Amino acid sequence: EIEFLVDEVRKLREELREKENKIVELIDERKMMINILLRLVKGELSLAKVLDSLTQSSIAIADRMYGRISSEDIVFLKTTSFIQDNALQELARRDVLCVIGELFPEHVKKALEDSTIPVITIGEVEGYELIRIREGDLIFYSPEILHEARRRKIALRERREKKKMVDIAKIVDEYRSERLRELLRDTSDSSVIEFNEENM
């Protein structure tokens, strides 16, 4: 019976130690949250809008949780492996500033950037401050990330405009070439008619 009591005391001590550790974690998290809140108020940090995945339902959930996703918003994407076309179009229509995530498959990155939505991976922001809390449900970022996102957004817009200009120039060149062929065909047809009339 004494062994049983000793064992029970040992188990209770372990439970107490675990609970003490949990209390210390919660106190540390509370201190960190107070610090983050103060930094949010000062403008030293901003809150990213977190999407579990790039789907319409995730956008709707984020809209309810954080307020409507709009331009100047940075979106943190937890799952980067796939996207729904209609969700991508929705983010493009809302003109979000950028999407941040772990790693993006090339086809996802291309689809986002073709929609003028810059992509920033976690590895690219190592020099900046990105704070993840509670499994990434809360993401805070520093102004440097905001500046980098704006820089990339401008670069993507410029690239899109250049592509439009190249496309327009190509259409004009094709039109000119077609028109020249038509003129040459018309000229050669009238020459044939003139030649036939002279031979008669």
C-alpha atoms as a PDB file:
ATOM      1  CA  GLU A   1       0.000   0.000   0.000  1.00  0.00           C
ATOM      2  CA  ILE A   2       2.901   2.367   0.656  1.00  0.00           C
ATOM      3  CA  GLU A   3       4.233   1.664  -2.850  1.00  0.00           C
ATOM      4  CA  PHE A   4       0.829   2.546  -4.237  1.00  0.00           C
ATOM      5  CA  LEU A   5       0.819   5.860  -2.335  1.00  0.00           C
ATOM      6  CA  VAL A   6       4.382   6.644  -3.446  1.00  0.00           C
ATOM      7  CA  ASP A   7       3.367   5.968  -7.040  1.00  0.00           C
ATOM      8  CA  GLU A   8       0.304   8.210  -6.678  1.00  0.00           C
ATOM      9  CA  VAL A   9       2.426  11.017  -5.217  1.00  0.00           C
ATOM     10  CA  ARG A  10       4.871  10.665  -8.130  1.00  0.00           C
ATOM     11  CA  LYS A  11       2.001  10.882 -10.659  1.00  0.00           C
ATOM     12  CA  LEU A  12       0.553  13.910  -8.886  1.00  0.00           C
ATOM     13  CA  ARG A  13       3.962  15.623  -8.914  1.00  0.00           C
ATOM     14  CA  GLU A  14       4.271  14.989 -12.672  1.00  0.00           C
ATOM     15  CA  GLU A  15       0.786  16.377 -13.249  1.00  0.00           C
ATOM     16  CA  LEU A  16       1.613  19.403 -11.119  1.00  0.00           C
ATOM     17  CA  ARG A  17       4.863  19.967 -13.042  1.00  0.00           C
ATOM     18  CA  GLU A  18       2.963  19.749 -16.377  1.00  0.00           C
ATOM     19  CA  LYS A  19       0.341  22.215 -15.135  1.00  0.00           C
ATOM     20  CA  GLU A  20       3.043  24.591 -13.875  1.00  0.00           C
ATOM     21  CA  ASN A  21       4.738  24.422 -17.276  1.00  0.00           C
ATOM     22  CA  LYS A  22       1.413  25.126 -18.966  1.00  0.00           C
ATOM     23  CA  ILE A  23       0.820  28.114 -16.679  1.00  0.00           C
ATOM     24  CA  VAL A  24       4.291  29.468 -17.526  1.00  0.00           C
ATOM     25  CA  GLU A  25       3.531  29.024 -21.258  1.00  0.00           C
ATOM     26  CA  LEU A  26       0.220  30.841 -20.900  1.00  0.00           C
ATOM     27  CA  ILE A  27       1.850  33.686 -18.961  1.00  0.00           C
ATOM     28  CA  ASP A  28       4.551  33.991 -21.649  1.00  0.00           C
ATOM     29  CA  GLU A  29       1.920  33.945 -24.403  1.00  0.00           C
ATOM     30  CA  ARG A  30      -0.090  36.608 -22.558  1.00  0.00           C
ATOM     31  CA  LYS A  31       3.004  38.823 -22.250  1.00  0.00           C
ATOM     32  CA  MET A  32       3.751  38.315 -25.944  1.00  0.00           C
ATOM     33  CA  MET A  33       0.149  39.158 -26.897  1.00  0.00           C
ATOM     34  CA  ILE A  34       0.248  42.351 -24.822  1.00  0.00           C
ATOM     35  CA  ASN A  35       3.522  43.293 -26.525  1.00  0.00           C
ATOM     36  CA  ILE A  36       2.024  42.559 -29.959  1.00  0.00           C
ATOM     37  CA  LEU A  37      -1.093  44.561 -29.133  1.00  0.00           C
ATOM     38  CA  LEU A  38       1.034  47.553 -28.124  1.00  0.00           C
ATOM     39  CA  ARG A  39       3.061  47.235 -31.319  1.00  0.00           C
ATOM     40  CA  LEU A  40      -0.144  47.010 -33.375  1.00  0.00           C
ATOM     41  CA  VAL A  41      -1.370  50.238 -31.801  1.00  0.00           C
ATOM     42  CA  LYS A  42       1.980  51.946 -32.524  1.00  0.00           C
ATOM     43  CA  GLY A  43       1.892  50.739 -36.157  1.00  0.00           C
ATOM     44  CA  GLU A  44       4.990  48.583 -35.746  1.00  0.00           C
ATOM     45  CA  LEU A  45       3.055  45.447 -36.720  1.00  0.00           C
ATOM     46  CA  SER A  46       0.026  44.643 -38.852  1.00  0.00           C
ATOM     47  CA  LEU A  47      -2.291  41.644 -38.898  1.00  0.00           C
ATOM     48  CA  ALA A  48      -2.302  39.394 -41.962  1.00  0.00           C
ATOM     49  CA  LYS A  49      -5.570  37.804 -43.023  1.00  0.00           C
ATOM     50  CA  VAL A  50      -5.147  34.034 -42.813  1.00  0.00           C
ATOM     51  CA  LEU A  51      -6.688  31.604 -45.303  1.00  0.00           C
ATOM     52  CA  ASP A  52      -6.536  27.848 -44.724  1.00  0.00           C
ATOM     53  CA  SER A  53      -6.474  27.425 -48.512  1.00  0.00           C
ATOM     54  CA  LEU A  54      -7.264  29.494 -51.578  1.00  0.00           C
ATOM     55  CA  THR A  55     -10.940  28.572 -51.803  1.00  0.00           C
ATOM     56  CA  GLN A  56     -14.165  30.554 -51.742  1.00  0.00           C
ATOM     57  CA  SER A  57     -15.121  29.075 -48.369  1.00  0.00           C
ATOM     58  CA  SER A  58     -11.770  30.089 -46.817  1.00  0.00           C
ATOM     59  CA  ILE A  59     -12.210  33.627 -48.146  1.00  0.00           C
ATOM     60  CA  ALA A  60     -15.710  33.782 -46.624  1.00  0.00           C
ATOM     61  CA  ILE A  61     -14.394  32.552 -43.253  1.00  0.00           C
ATOM     62  CA  ALA A  62     -11.539  35.098 -43.293  1.00  0.00           C
ATOM     63  CA  ASP A  63     -13.985  37.877 -44.221  1.00  0.00           C
ATOM     64  CA  ARG A  64     -16.046  37.042 -41.134  1.00  0.00           C
ATOM     65  CA  MET A  65     -13.023  36.644 -38.874  1.00  0.00           C
ATOM     66  CA  TYR A  66     -10.865  39.622 -39.879  1.00  0.00           C
ATOM     67  CA  GLY A  67     -13.198  41.849 -41.861  1.00  0.00           C
ATOM     68  CA  ARG A  68     -13.465  41.918 -45.635  1.00  0.00           C
ATOM     69  CA  ILE A  69     -10.222  41.131 -47.463  1.00  0.00           C
ATOM     70  CA  SER A  70      -9.367  44.083 -49.702  1.00  0.00           C
ATOM     71  CA  SER A  71      -6.526  45.974 -51.353  1.00  0.00           C
ATOM     72  CA  GLU A  72      -3.586  46.744 -49.089  1.00  0.00           C
ATOM     73  CA  ASP A  73      -4.241  43.449 -47.277  1.00  0.00           C
ATOM     74  CA  ILE A  74      -1.576  40.809 -46.960  1.00  0.00           C
ATOM     75  CA  VAL A  75      -2.980  37.300 -47.020  1.00  0.00           C
ATOM     76  CA  PHE A  76      -1.213  34.392 -45.329  1.00  0.00           C
ATOM     77  CA  LEU A  77      -2.010  31.115 -47.086  1.00  0.00           C
ATOM     78  CA  LYS A  78      -1.623  27.994 -44.906  1.00  0.00           C
ATOM     79  CA  THR A  79      -2.058  25.463 -47.731  1.00  0.00           C
ATOM     80  CA  THR A  80      -0.318  26.541 -50.915  1.00  0.00           C
ATOM     81  CA  SER A  81      -0.583  23.351 -52.949  1.00  0.00           C
ATOM     82  CA  PHE A  82      -3.784  24.187 -54.833  1.00  0.00           C
ATOM     83  CA  ILE A  83      -6.114  27.048 -55.681  1.00  0.00           C
ATOM     84  CA  GLN A  84      -9.675  27.369 -56.898  1.00  0.00           C
ATOM     85  CA  ASP A  85      -9.925  29.526 -60.012  1.00  0.00           C
ATOM     86  CA  ASN A  86     -12.941  31.442 -58.718  1.00  0.00           C
ATOM     87  CA  ALA A  87     -11.156  32.137 -55.411  1.00  0.00           C
ATOM     88  CA  LEU A  88      -8.077  33.364 -57.294  1.00  0.00           C
ATOM     89  CA  GLN A  89     -10.266  35.651 -59.406  1.00  0.00           C
ATOM     90  CA  GLU A  90     -11.920  36.946 -56.222  1.00  0.00           C
ATOM     91  CA  LEU A  91      -8.575  37.866 -54.635  1.00  0.00           C
ATOM     92  CA  ALA A  92      -7.460  39.488 -57.888  1.00  0.00           C
ATOM     93  CA  ARG A  93     -10.717  41.464 -58.064  1.00  0.00           C
ATOM     94  CA  ARG A  94     -10.172  42.626 -54.486  1.00  0.00           C
ATOM     95  CA  ASP A  95      -6.606  43.568 -55.478  1.00  0.00           C
ATOM     96  CA  VAL A  96      -4.879  42.081 -52.411  1.00  0.00           C
ATOM     97  CA  LEU A  97      -1.375  43.340 -51.850  1.00  0.00           C
ATOM     98  CA  CYS A  98       0.322  39.930 -51.701  1.00  0.00           C
ATOM     99  CA  VAL A  99       0.096  36.331 -50.545  1.00  0.00           C
ATOM    100  CA  ILE A 100       2.615  34.877 -48.094  1.00  0.00           C
ATOM    101  CA  GLY A 101       3.091  31.144 -47.502  1.00  0.00           C
ATOM    102  CA  GLU A 102       5.581  28.370 -46.861  1.00  0.00           C
ATOM    103  CA  LEU A 103       6.388  27.079 -50.349  1.00  0.00           C
ATOM    104  CA  PHE A 104       4.395  27.618 -53.521  1.00  0.00           C
ATOM    105  CA  PRO A 105       4.285  25.080 -56.355  1.00  0.00           C
ATOM    106  CA  GLU A 106       5.344  26.768 -59.589  1.00  0.00           C
ATOM    107  CA  HIS A 107       1.848  26.556 -61.150  1.00  0.00           C
ATOM    108  CA  VAL A 108       0.276  28.236 -58.089  1.00  0.00           C
ATOM    109  CA  LYS A 109       2.912  30.976 -58.016  1.00  0.00           C
ATOM    110  CA  LYS A 110       2.459  31.615 -61.744  1.00  0.00           C
ATOM    111  CA  ALA A 111      -1.342  31.757 -61.459  1.00  0.00           C
ATOM    112  CA  LEU A 112      -1.130  34.271 -58.592  1.00  0.00           C
ATOM    113  CA  GLU A 113       1.482  36.448 -60.293  1.00  0.00           C
ATOM    114  CA  ASP A 114      -0.399  36.348 -63.612  1.00  0.00           C
ATOM    115  CA  SER A 115      -3.279  37.848 -61.618  1.00  0.00           C
ATOM    116  CA  THR A 116      -0.870  40.555 -60.326  1.00  0.00           C
ATOM    117  CA  ILE A 117      -0.818  39.067 -56.833  1.00  0.00           C
ATOM    118  CA  PRO A 118       2.786  38.923 -55.586  1.00  0.00           C
ATOM    119  CA  VAL A 119       3.965  35.786 -53.806  1.00  0.00           C
ATOM    120  CA  ILE A 120       6.343  35.940 -50.853  1.00  0.00           C
ATOM    121  CA  THR A 121       7.626  32.757 -49.236  1.00  0.00           C
ATOM    122  CA  ILE A 122       8.481  32.486 -45.545  1.00  0.00           C
ATOM    123  CA  GLY A 123      12.141  32.039 -46.483  1.00  0.00           C
ATOM    124  CA  GLU A 124      12.148  35.412 -48.222  1.00  0.00           C
ATOM    125  CA  VAL A 125      11.044  37.294 -45.098  1.00  0.00           C
ATOM    126  CA  GLU A 126      13.715  35.961 -42.757  1.00  0.00           C
ATOM    127  CA  GLY A 127      15.267  39.408 -42.426  1.00  0.00           C
ATOM    128  CA  TYR A 128      11.874  40.864 -41.573  1.00  0.00           C
ATOM    129  CA  GLU A 129       9.546  40.225 -38.696  1.00  0.00           C
ATOM    130  CA  LEU A 130       6.763  37.705 -39.183  1.00  0.00           C
ATOM    131  CA  ILE A 131       5.148  36.428 -35.995  1.00  0.00           C
ATOM    132  CA  ARG A 132       3.024  33.277 -36.058  1.00  0.00           C
ATOM    133  CA  ILE A 133       0.771  32.484 -33.119  1.00  0.00           C
ATOM    134  CA  ARG A 134      -1.429  29.463 -32.445  1.00  0.00           C
ATOM    135  CA  GLU A 135      -0.560  27.227 -35.370  1.00  0.00           C
ATOM    136  CA  GLY A 136      -0.530  30.223 -37.706  1.00  0.00           C
ATOM    137  CA  ASP A 137      -4.085  31.347 -36.948  1.00  0.00           C
ATOM    138  CA  LEU A 138      -2.701  34.777 -36.118  1.00  0.00           C
ATOM    139  CA  ILE A 139       0.046  36.232 -38.286  1.00  0.00           C
ATOM    140  CA  PHE A 140       1.614  39.624 -37.647  1.00  0.00           C
ATOM    141  CA  TYR A 141       4.108  41.300 -39.969  1.00  0.00           C
ATOM    142  CA  SER A 142       6.448  44.276 -39.869  1.00  0.00           C
ATOM    143  CA  PRO A 143       6.268  47.343 -42.144  1.00  0.00           C
ATOM    144  CA  GLU A 144       9.256  46.031 -44.101  1.00  0.00           C
ATOM    145  CA  ILE A 145       7.139  43.158 -45.405  1.00  0.00           C
ATOM    146  CA  LEU A 146       4.441  45.656 -46.372  1.00  0.00           C
ATOM    147  CA  HIS A 147       7.016  47.718 -48.311  1.00  0.00           C
ATOM    148  CA  GLU A 148       8.368  44.602 -50.039  1.00  0.00           C
ATOM    149  CA  ALA A 149       4.827  43.533 -50.991  1.00  0.00           C
ATOM    150  CA  ARG A 150       4.102  46.980 -52.468  1.00  0.00           C
ATOM    151  CA  ARG A 151       7.365  46.930 -54.412  1.00  0.00           C
ATOM    152  CA  ARG A 152       6.520  43.523 -55.885  1.00  0.00           C
ATOM    153  CA  LYS A 153       2.947  44.591 -56.679  1.00  0.00           C
ATOM    154  CA  ILE A 154       4.232  47.585 -58.645  1.00  0.00           C
ATOM    155  CA  ALA A 155       6.730  45.366 -60.498  1.00  0.00           C
ATOM    156  CA  LEU A 156       3.977  42.889 -61.441  1.00  0.00           C
ATOM    157  CA  ARG A 157       1.716  45.688 -62.676  1.00  0.00           C
ATOM    158  CA  GLU A 158       4.555  47.114 -64.773  1.00  0.00           C
ATOM    159  CA  ARG A 159       5.272  43.666 -66.203  1.00  0.00           C
ATOM    160  CA  ARG A 160       1.589  43.229 -67.053  1.00  0.00           C
ATOM    161  CA  GLU A 161       1.500  46.644 -68.776  1.00  0.00           C
ATOM    162  CA  LYS A 162       4.629  45.819 -70.785  1.00  0.00           C
ATOM    163  CA  LYS A 163       3.068  42.529 -71.834  1.00  0.00           C
ATOM    164  CA  LYS A 164      -0.081  44.367 -72.918  1.00  0.00           C
ATOM    165  CA  MET A 165       2.019  46.777 -74.994  1.00  0.00           C
ATOM    166  CA  VAL A 166       3.880  43.886 -76.607  1.00  0.00           C
ATOM    167  CA  ASP A 167       0.560  42.153 -77.311  1.00  0.00           C
ATOM    168  CA  ILE A 168      -0.867  45.323 -78.859  1.00  0.00           C
ATOM    169  CA  ALA A 169       2.272  45.809 -80.972  1.00  0.00           C
ATOM    170  CA  LYS A 170       2.010  42.187 -82.120  1.00  0.00           C
ATOM    171  CA  ILE A 171      -1.660  42.663 -83.106  1.00  0.00           C
ATOM    172  CA  VAL A 172      -0.796  45.868 -85.007  1.00  0.00           C
ATOM    173  CA  ASP A 173       2.096  44.093 -86.781  1.00  0.00           C
ATOM    174  CA  GLU A 174      -0.164  41.179 -87.704  1.00  0.00           C
ATOM    175  CA  TYR A 175      -2.794  43.603 -89.007  1.00  0.00           C
ATOM    176  CA  ARG A 176      -0.194  45.481 -91.076  1.00  0.00           C
ATOM    177  CA  SER A 177       1.179  42.224 -92.487  1.00  0.00           C
ATOM    178  CA  GLU A 178      -2.310  41.003 -93.397  1.00  0.00           C
ATOM    179  CA  ARG A 179      -3.211  44.360 -94.932  1.00  0.00           C
ATOM    180  CA  LEU A 180       0.031  44.376 -96.958  1.00  0.00           C
ATOM    181  CA  ARG A 181      -0.697  40.857 -98.215  1.00  0.00           C
ATOM    182  CA  GLU A 182      -4.187  41.982 -99.236  1.00  0.00           C
ATOM    183  CA  LEU A 183      -2.795  45.016-101.038  1.00  0.00           C
ATOM    184  CA  LEU A 184      -0.162  42.922-102.817  1.00  0.00           C
ATOM    185  CA  ARG A 185      -2.802  40.358-103.785  1.00  0.00           C
ATOM    186  CA  ASP A 186      -5.090  43.111-105.078  1.00  0.00           C
ATOM    187  CA  THR A 187      -2.195  44.684-107.000  1.00  0.00           C
ATOM    188  CA  SER A 188      -1.136  41.366-108.512  1.00  0.00           C
ATOM    189  CA  ASP A 189      -4.741  40.570-109.468  1.00  0.00           C
ATOM    190  CA  SER A 190      -5.117  43.919-111.267  1.00  0.00           C
ATOM    191  CA  SER A 191      -1.756  43.361-113.040  1.00  0.00           C
ATOM    192  CA  VAL A 192      -2.978  40.034-114.336  1.00  0.00           C
ATOM    193  CA  ILE A 193      -6.161  41.641-115.603  1.00  0.00           C
ATOM    194  CA  GLU A 194      -4.168  44.437-117.334  1.00  0.00           C
ATOM    195  CA  PHE A 195      -1.799  41.915-118.880  1.00  0.00           C
ATOM    196  CA  ASN A 196      -4.694  39.842-120.219  1.00  0.00           C
ATOM    197  CA  GLU A 197      -6.334  42.931-121.736  1.00  0.00           C
ATOM    198  CA  GLU A 198      -3.061  43.920-123.517  1.00  0.00           C
ATOM    199  CA  ASN A 199      -2.721  40.472-125.062  1.00  0.00           C
ATOM    200  CA  MET A 200      -6.187  40.618-126.571  1.00  0.00           C
END
